[in-house]
């Protein structure tokens, strides 16, 4: 097994581990505001690790560039979507609802 293949597999499994941990943490959070943080981790860190695994394996050919493009779009779009989702939740629940919720 070459070094590039080993590095690609390590990055791939790290990306999968981040995805699993983020999904597990997402499942145990009590309110939507806390859940938004874990969705952000999944779409930025997880996507970056998976894209890095593809680039290490495929270099900068069509597959590698496509993976980088997807990671950049997710990395730039995820914070925007999280903010919009948080504002929508606040509009539905009303201002101050996050403080009066199930937090301890």
Protein backbone atom coordinates (compact mmCIF):
# COMPACT_ATOMS: atom_id res chain seq x y z
CA UNK A 1 0.00 0.00 0.00
CA UNK A 2 1.44 3.34 -1.03
CA UNK A 3 1.69 6.36 1.23
CA UNK A 4 -0.98 8.23 -0.73
CA UNK A 5 -3.41 5.34 -0.37
CA UNK A 6 -2.75 5.09 3.36
CA UNK A 7 -3.14 8.84 3.85
CA UNK A 8 -6.34 8.82 1.80
CA UNK A 9 -7.81 6.02 3.89
CA UNK A 10 -6.88 7.75 7.15
CA UNK A 11 -8.51 11.00 5.97
CA UNK A 12 -11.57 9.09 4.78
CA UNK A 13 -12.03 7.34 8.13
CA UNK A 14 -11.45 10.60 10.01
CA UNK A 15 -14.19 12.18 7.91
CA UNK A 16 -16.51 9.27 8.66
CA UNK A 17 -15.67 9.52 12.37
CA UNK A 18 -16.45 13.25 12.39
CA UNK A 19 -19.77 12.54 10.64
CA UNK A 20 -20.70 9.83 13.13
CA UNK A 21 -19.73 11.92 16.15
CA UNK A 22 -21.62 14.95 14.83
CA UNK A 23 -24.73 12.84 14.17
CA UNK A 24 -24.50 11.29 17.63
CA UNK A 25 -24.11 14.69 19.26
CA UNK A 26 -26.95 16.02 17.14
CA UNK A 27 -29.24 13.30 18.46
CA UNK A 28 -28.64 14.12 22.14
CA UNK A 29 -29.01 17.91 21.97
CA UNK A 30 -32.24 19.26 23.36
CA UNK A 31 -32.87 22.38 21.32
CA UNK A 32 -32.52 23.40 17.71
CA UNK A 33 -29.96 26.10 18.41
CA UNK A 34 -27.49 23.58 19.81
CA UNK A 35 -28.17 21.19 16.94
CA UNK A 36 -27.18 23.84 14.42
CA UNK A 37 -23.59 23.76 15.71
CA UNK A 38 -23.20 20.07 15.00
CA UNK A 39 -24.66 20.40 11.52
CA UNK A 40 -22.01 23.04 10.87
CA UNK A 41 -19.22 20.73 12.03
CA UNK A 42 -20.51 17.98 9.81
CA UNK A 43 -20.77 20.13 6.71
CA UNK A 44 -17.43 21.90 7.12
CA UNK A 45 -14.93 19.65 8.89
CA UNK A 46 -16.38 16.38 7.61
CA UNK A 47 -16.61 17.65 4.04
CA UNK A 48 -13.06 19.04 4.18
CA UNK A 49 -11.65 15.71 5.39
CA UNK A 50 -13.51 13.75 2.73
CA UNK A 51 -12.41 16.17 0.01
CA UNK A 52 -8.82 15.92 1.23
CA UNK A 53 -9.06 12.12 1.01
CA UNK A 54 -10.20 12.36 -2.61
CA UNK A 55 -7.50 14.89 -3.50
CA UNK A 56 -4.76 12.76 -1.92
CA UNK A 57 -5.94 9.71 -3.85
CA UNK A 58 -6.89 11.32 -7.18
CA UNK A 59 -4.71 14.47 -7.13
CA UNK A 60 -6.05 17.50 -8.94
CA UNK A 61 -7.77 15.80 -11.84
CA UNK A 62 -11.52 16.01 -12.42
CA UNK A 63 -12.45 14.07 -9.29
CA UNK A 64 -10.07 15.98 -7.04
CA UNK A 65 -11.21 19.37 -8.31
CA UNK A 66 -14.86 18.36 -7.97
CA UNK A 67 -14.27 17.27 -4.38
CA UNK A 68 -12.53 20.58 -3.61
CA UNK A 69 -15.38 22.53 -5.19
CA UNK A 70 -17.98 20.67 -3.13
CA UNK A 71 -15.99 21.24 0.07
CA UNK A 72 -15.62 24.97 -0.66
CA UNK A 73 -19.32 25.37 -1.45
CA UNK A 74 -20.27 23.52 1.74
CA UNK A 75 -17.73 25.46 3.78
CA UNK A 76 -19.03 28.79 2.55
CA UNK A 77 -22.70 27.89 2.39
CA UNK A 78 -23.07 26.09 5.70
CA UNK A 79 -22.65 29.14 7.97
CA UNK A 80 -25.10 31.09 5.82
CA UNK A 81 -27.68 28.30 6.01
CA UNK A 82 -27.15 27.87 9.76
CA UNK A 83 -27.75 31.56 10.34
CA UNK A 84 -30.86 31.56 8.14
CA UNK A 85 -32.17 28.47 9.93
CA UNK A 86 -31.52 30.02 13.33
CA UNK A 87 -33.32 33.19 12.32
CA UNK A 88 -36.27 31.15 11.02
CA UNK A 89 -36.47 29.22 14.29
CA UNK A 90 -36.38 32.48 16.22
CA UNK A 91 -39.12 33.94 14.02
CA UNK A 92 -41.36 30.94 14.73
CA UNK A 93 -40.56 30.61 18.45
CA UNK A 94 -40.32 34.32 19.17
CA UNK A 95 -37.46 36.35 20.67
CA UNK A 96 -36.13 35.03 23.95
CA UNK A 97 -37.52 31.52 23.36
CA UNK A 98 -34.05 30.01 23.40
CA UNK A 99 -33.55 31.23 26.98
CA UNK A 100 -36.91 29.99 28.22
CA UNK A 101 -36.56 26.52 26.69
CA UNK A 102 -35.25 23.30 28.15
CA UNK A 103 -31.81 24.61 29.00
CA UNK A 104 -30.52 24.20 32.50
